[in-house]
Amino acid sequence: MFWTYENWIHQYARAHRSSCPYCRNGKGIHPGSGDQNGTWYGPFESLELARQAGNYSASVCGYCLRDEAKVAQQKPVVMPKTFDPEKFVASVDRFMTGRRHDARYASFDYCFNYFQSARLDNRLDSLLDRDHAEVSCLQLGFYLASWGMFRGRASILQHSSFRLLPVIETLISADKEMWEIDAPQLSDAAPEVVEFADKLGDAFGKNFSASDTLTTKILLGVMGTVPAFDRFFRSGFSVSTFSKSSVRKVGRFYHDHRQAVDQFEIPTLDFHTGLDTSLKYPKSKIIDMGFFISGQDEN
């Protein structure tokens, strides 16, 4: 038997087998959550009938109907171990537990708000003028410190925030398209993302060892491009390095498990009020949170 889930917010429909962990005979991941965002149609005796349900042209689940999915015919689907959507959802929820505007991980919100607001207002070039350069470096620097980059033997520990000036210059000089890359685009944009991460590393200058963890945390906190490829994320997501293949894997994961990721619409917090802003966490941030917790549990 088959069911189709239709999401009105993101305007898509996807067919599933009844036994799929995303479907569970039309109950979904969160039974009883209501029909505010979407609804289930079914059961149907054939996949063809299921795909005809709803108001949108239904795709097929990349998890339970992998053989029928076009993406599976083009590229092998690489899964992070045995993926459990319920565990992923619970991990994201755990990461968000105790979320407050004075807590450690809110530093992401303030950094992301700062740079994204400038982008949306078409004033990125102003971030390095005389009135804003120091604040720009401090925003990025405090976020990196909160996220563990100023400790141990990290090269950045030996420098002041001034060392971030050329890094921010590289960021604000990036093409518009680079600023718009998130998990949905990573399957195709992986080479450009890895190349740009290398540019960020080079911007720190000679005799500076910029790790993949550092450059990907910058990409996440400023642009929302990719998850931070730190030890816990790499463990949870079953990748050993930051590379074109691992970035593509994030993109394929999003497309295969979009339903689990898209159910989270998390607004960033405002620094002054602690209230929600109009900016939302990028999809790569949702994926980062889920697998960070998974990796943490394994270590």
Protein backbone atom coordinates (compact mmCIF):
# COMPACT_ATOMS: atom_id res chain seq x y z
CA MET A 1 0.00 0.00 0.00
CA PHE A 2 1.07 3.60 -0.63
CA TRP A 3 0.40 7.06 0.81
CA THR A 4 1.18 10.57 -0.40
CA TYR A 5 2.10 13.48 1.83
CA GLU A 6 1.26 16.96 0.57
CA ASN A 7 3.00 19.95 2.16
CA TRP A 8 1.20 23.25 1.56
CA ILE A 9 3.92 25.45 3.04
CA HIS A 10 6.69 24.20 0.73
CA GLN A 11 4.28 23.22 -2.07
CA TYR A 12 5.34 19.67 -2.78
CA ALA A 13 3.93 16.15 -2.57
CA ARG A 14 5.78 12.88 -2.04
CA ALA A 15 4.61 9.28 -2.28
CA HIS A 16 5.68 6.66 0.30
CA ARG A 17 5.20 3.01 1.08
CA SER A 18 2.94 2.43 4.07
CA SER A 19 5.85 0.87 5.96
CA CYS A 20 8.17 3.86 5.42
CA PRO A 21 9.34 5.43 8.71
CA TYR A 22 8.31 8.80 7.30
CA CYS A 23 4.80 7.54 6.57
CA ARG A 24 3.81 4.89 9.11
CA ASN A 25 0.46 4.26 7.41
CA GLY A 26 -0.32 7.93 6.99
CA LYS A 27 0.56 8.95 10.56
CA GLY A 28 3.87 10.60 9.69
CA ILE A 29 6.69 11.38 12.09
CA HIS A 30 4.53 13.44 14.45
CA PRO A 31 1.10 11.78 14.79
CA GLY A 32 -1.61 14.17 15.88
CA SER A 33 0.30 17.27 14.78
CA GLY A 34 -2.68 18.49 12.78
CA ASP A 35 -3.00 19.66 9.20
CA GLN A 36 -1.54 23.15 9.50
CA ASN A 37 1.37 22.41 7.15
CA GLY A 38 0.08 19.49 5.10
CA THR A 39 -1.91 16.28 4.96
CA TRP A 40 -1.70 12.60 4.04
CA TYR A 41 -3.72 10.96 1.23
CA GLY A 42 -4.27 7.22 1.12
CA PRO A 43 -3.99 4.37 1.33
CA PHE A 44 -3.65 3.49 -2.35
CA GLU A 45 -3.11 0.08 -3.87
CA SER A 46 -0.59 1.32 -6.42
CA LEU A 47 2.19 3.87 -6.57
CA GLU A 48 0.61 5.35 -9.69
CA LEU A 49 -2.60 6.18 -7.83
CA ALA A 50 -0.67 7.62 -4.91
CA ARG A 51 1.26 9.96 -7.19
CA GLN A 52 -1.99 11.28 -8.62
CA ALA A 53 -3.27 12.39 -5.21
CA GLY A 54 -3.17 15.98 -4.01
CA ASN A 55 -2.62 19.27 -5.79
CA TYR A 56 1.05 18.93 -6.70
CA SER A 57 2.94 16.56 -8.96
CA ALA A 58 4.14 13.97 -6.47
CA SER A 59 7.73 12.82 -6.37
CA VAL A 60 8.67 9.55 -4.67
CA CYS A 61 10.44 9.03 -1.37
CA GLY A 62 14.17 8.52 -1.81
CA TYR A 63 14.20 6.23 1.22
CA CYS A 64 11.41 3.68 0.78
CA LEU A 65 11.06 4.02 -3.01
CA ARG A 66 14.70 4.43 -3.84
CA ASP A 67 14.52 2.29 -6.97
CA GLU A 68 11.79 4.46 -8.41
CA ALA A 69 13.45 7.77 -7.53
CA LYS A 70 15.17 9.48 -10.44
CA VAL A 71 17.97 10.67 -8.22
CA ALA A 72 18.81 7.07 -7.36
CA GLN A 73 19.09 6.25 -11.06
CA GLN A 74 21.57 9.07 -11.56
CA LYS A 75 23.69 8.91 -8.41
CA PRO A 76 24.19 6.32 -5.68
CA VAL A 77 22.45 7.31 -2.48
CA VAL A 78 24.90 7.23 0.41
CA MET A 79 23.20 7.09 3.77
CA PRO A 80 24.70 8.11 7.11
CA LYS A 81 24.72 4.68 8.68
CA THR A 82 21.11 3.45 9.13
CA PHE A 83 19.10 6.65 9.10
CA ASP A 84 16.23 6.87 11.55
CA PRO A 85 14.06 9.95 10.88
CA GLU A 86 12.55 9.84 14.37
CA LYS A 87 16.02 9.87 15.91
CA PHE A 88 17.03 12.77 13.68
CA VAL A 89 13.98 14.79 14.73
CA ALA A 90 14.64 13.98 18.40
CA SER A 91 18.30 15.04 18.01
CA VAL A 92 17.34 18.43 16.58
CA ASP A 93 14.83 18.87 19.39
CA ARG A 94 17.54 18.02 21.93
CA PHE A 95 19.91 20.58 20.43
CA MET A 96 17.20 23.20 20.82
CA THR A 97 16.47 22.30 24.45
CA GLY A 98 17.12 25.20 26.77
CA ARG A 99 17.54 27.62 23.88
CA ARG A 100 17.96 31.13 25.31
CA HIS A 101 19.35 34.35 23.92
CA ASP A 102 22.13 34.34 26.55
CA ALA A 103 23.14 30.71 25.92
CA ARG A 104 26.28 29.61 24.08
CA TYR A 105 24.84 28.51 20.77
CA ALA A 106 22.80 31.71 20.31
CA SER A 107 26.07 33.23 19.11
CA PHE A 108 25.26 31.57 15.79
CA ASP A 109 21.99 33.52 15.63
CA TYR A 110 23.66 36.88 16.19
CA CYS A 111 26.45 36.24 13.70
CA PHE A 112 24.02 34.94 11.08
CA ASN A 113 21.63 37.87 11.69
CA TYR A 114 24.43 40.40 11.33
CA PHE A 115 25.75 39.20 7.99
CA GLN A 116 22.44 38.11 6.48
CA SER A 117 20.75 41.40 7.35
CA ALA A 118 23.55 43.22 5.54
CA ARG A 119 23.13 40.94 2.54
CA LEU A 120 19.38 41.41 2.38
CA ASP A 121 19.79 45.19 2.68
CA ASN A 122 22.45 45.21 -0.07
CA ARG A 123 25.06 46.71 2.25
CA LEU A 124 27.66 43.95 2.51
CA ASP A 125 30.33 46.33 1.23
CA SER A 126 29.78 48.54 4.27
CA LEU A 127 30.81 45.83 6.72
CA LEU A 128 34.49 46.70 6.36
CA ASP A 129 34.22 50.48 6.39
CA ARG A 130 35.60 52.50 9.28
CA ASP A 131 32.32 52.38 11.25
CA HIS A 132 31.67 48.64 10.93
CA ALA A 133 34.95 46.74 10.43
CA GLU A 134 35.67 46.14 14.11
CA VAL A 135 32.10 45.04 14.86
CA SER A 136 32.16 42.70 11.86
CA CYS A 137 35.31 41.01 13.13
CA LEU A 138 33.95 40.79 16.66
CA GLN A 139 30.66 39.25 15.50
CA LEU A 140 32.45 36.50 13.59
CA GLY A 141 35.12 36.08 16.24
CA PHE A 142 32.74 35.69 19.17
CA TYR A 143 30.65 33.17 17.24
CA LEU A 144 33.77 31.12 16.49
CA ALA A 145 34.84 31.35 20.12
CA SER A 146 31.43 30.20 21.34
CA TRP A 147 31.63 27.29 18.94
CA GLY A 148 34.96 26.11 20.29
CA MET A 149 37.49 27.48 17.80
CA PHE A 150 39.57 29.54 20.26
CA ARG A 151 41.02 26.74 22.30
CA GLY A 152 43.73 24.10 22.43
CA ARG A 153 46.29 24.31 19.65
CA ALA A 154 44.05 26.18 17.20
CA SER A 155 46.05 28.69 15.16
CA ILE A 156 43.39 31.35 15.57
CA LEU A 157 43.92 31.31 19.35
CA GLN A 158 47.18 33.20 18.83
CA HIS A 159 45.55 36.11 17.00
CA SER A 160 43.19 38.99 17.68
CA SER A 161 39.98 39.67 15.80
CA PHE A 162 41.98 41.86 13.41
CA ARG A 163 43.16 38.67 11.69
CA LEU A 164 39.57 38.16 10.49
CA LEU A 165 39.55 41.27 8.27
CA PRO A 166 40.76 39.49 5.10
CA VAL A 167 38.40 36.59 5.83
CA ILE A 168 35.42 38.93 5.97
CA GLU A 169 36.66 40.67 2.83
CA THR A 170 36.65 37.29 1.07
CA LEU A 171 33.14 36.59 2.32
CA ILE A 172 31.58 39.88 1.25
CA SER A 173 33.34 39.70 -2.12
CA ALA A 174 31.76 36.34 -2.95
CA ASP A 175 29.31 36.07 -5.83
CA LYS A 176 25.63 36.46 -5.05
CA GLU A 177 25.12 32.79 -5.96
CA MET A 178 27.51 31.66 -3.23
CA TRP A 179 25.44 33.49 -0.61
CA GLU A 180 22.32 31.66 -1.78
CA ILE A 181 23.70 28.10 -1.49
CA ASP A 182 22.12 25.90 1.18
CA ALA A 183 21.61 22.15 1.55
CA PRO A 184 19.12 21.92 -1.39
CA GLN A 185 21.84 23.16 -3.78
CA LEU A 186 24.81 21.19 -2.44
CA SER A 187 24.50 18.19 -4.77
CA ASP A 188 25.35 20.46 -7.71
CA ALA A 189 27.36 23.20 -6.01
CA ALA A 190 29.85 21.03 -4.09
CA PRO A 191 32.93 21.98 -6.18
CA GLU A 192 32.25 25.70 -5.77
CA VAL A 193 31.68 25.33 -2.03
CA VAL A 194 34.92 23.43 -1.43
CA GLU A 195 36.85 25.89 -3.60
CA PHE A 196 35.44 28.83 -1.67
CA ALA A 197 36.25 27.18 1.66
CA ASP A 198 39.86 26.93 0.46
CA LYS A 199 39.81 30.66 -0.31
CA LEU A 200 38.65 31.37 3.23
CA GLY A 201 41.53 29.30 4.57
CA ASP A 202 44.01 31.15 2.36
CA ALA A 203 42.62 34.49 3.57
CA PHE A 204 44.07 33.83 7.01
CA GLY A 205 47.50 34.19 5.44
CA LYS A 206 50.74 32.26 5.37
CA ASN A 207 51.88 30.21 8.35
CA PHE A 208 48.26 29.81 9.47
CA SER A 209 46.69 26.37 9.55
CA ALA A 210 43.00 26.86 8.77
CA SER A 211 41.22 23.57 9.45
CA ASP A 212 38.13 22.34 7.63
CA THR A 213 36.29 22.71 10.93
CA LEU A 214 37.16 26.41 11.02
CA THR A 215 36.26 27.20 7.42
CA THR A 216 33.00 25.27 7.48
CA LYS A 217 31.95 26.90 10.75
CA ILE A 218 32.52 30.26 9.07
CA LEU A 219 30.46 29.17 6.06
CA LEU A 220 27.66 28.01 8.35
CA GLY A 221 27.62 31.02 10.68
CA VAL A 222 27.83 33.68 7.97
CA MET A 223 26.22 32.21 4.87
CA GLY A 224 24.42 29.09 6.10
CA THR A 225 26.03 27.09 3.29
CA VAL A 226 27.09 23.78 4.82
CA PRO A 227 27.06 22.05 8.21
CA ALA A 228 30.14 22.57 10.34
CA PHE A 229 32.36 19.57 9.63
CA ASP A 230 33.61 19.20 13.17
CA ARG A 231 34.37 15.91 14.93
CA PHE A 232 30.84 15.23 16.13
CA PHE A 233 29.12 16.06 12.85
CA ARG A 234 31.54 13.94 10.84
CA SER A 235 31.00 11.03 13.21
CA GLY A 236 27.22 11.33 13.17
CA PHE A 237 27.03 11.79 9.40
CA SER A 238 29.59 9.06 8.66
CA VAL A 239 32.11 11.13 6.72
CA SER A 240 35.79 11.41 7.45
CA THR A 241 36.66 14.64 5.64
CA PHE A 242 35.24 17.82 4.16
CA SER A 243 35.35 17.21 0.43
CA LYS A 244 33.26 17.47 -2.73
CA SER A 245 31.88 14.00 -2.16
CA SER A 246 30.92 14.66 1.46
CA VAL A 247 29.28 17.97 0.50
CA ARG A 248 27.31 16.20 -2.23
CA LYS A 249 26.28 13.67 0.37
CA VAL A 250 24.71 16.46 2.44
CA GLY A 251 22.79 17.58 -0.63
CA ARG A 252 21.56 14.08 -1.41
CA PHE A 253 20.62 13.58 2.22
CA TYR A 254 18.45 16.70 2.14
CA HIS A 255 16.63 15.61 -1.01
CA ASP A 256 16.07 12.07 0.28
CA HIS A 257 14.93 13.21 3.73
CA ARG A 258 13.50 16.61 3.01
CA GLN A 259 10.39 15.81 4.99
CA ALA A 260 12.35 15.39 8.22
CA VAL A 261 14.38 18.57 7.68
CA ASP A 262 11.63 20.83 6.36
CA GLN A 263 9.36 20.29 9.32
CA PHE A 264 11.69 22.58 11.28
CA GLU A 265 11.08 26.29 10.67
CA ILE A 266 13.31 27.80 13.35
CA PRO A 267 13.64 31.60 13.52
CA THR A 268 16.85 33.15 14.76
CA LEU A 269 16.83 35.06 18.04
CA ASP A 270 17.14 38.82 18.27
CA PHE A 271 20.10 40.02 20.37
CA HIS A 272 18.27 42.90 22.06
CA THR A 273 14.92 41.28 22.85
CA GLY A 274 15.60 37.55 22.77
CA LEU A 275 12.50 37.23 20.58
CA ASP A 276 12.18 35.54 17.19
CA THR A 277 13.32 37.41 14.09
CA SER A 278 12.05 37.01 10.52
CA LEU A 279 15.22 35.12 9.55
CA LYS A 280 15.05 31.31 9.62
CA TYR A 281 17.75 28.74 10.24
CA PRO A 282 19.10 27.44 6.92
CA LYS A 283 18.56 23.79 6.07
CA SER A 284 22.26 23.09 6.55
CA LYS A 285 21.94 24.32 10.13
CA ILE A 286 19.08 21.88 10.79
CA ILE A 287 21.17 19.03 9.38
CA ASP A 288 24.17 20.17 11.41
CA MET A 289 22.19 20.10 14.66
CA GLY A 290 20.74 16.64 14.07
CA PHE A 291 24.01 14.91 13.28
CA PHE A 292 26.05 16.90 15.82
CA ILE A 293 23.93 15.35 18.55
CA SER A 294 24.16 11.89 16.94
CA GLY A 295 27.93 12.15 16.79
CA GLN A 296 28.10 13.43 20.34
CA ASP A 297 26.14 10.40 21.54
CA GLU A 298 28.58 8.08 19.79
CA ASN A 299 31.67 9.61 21.38
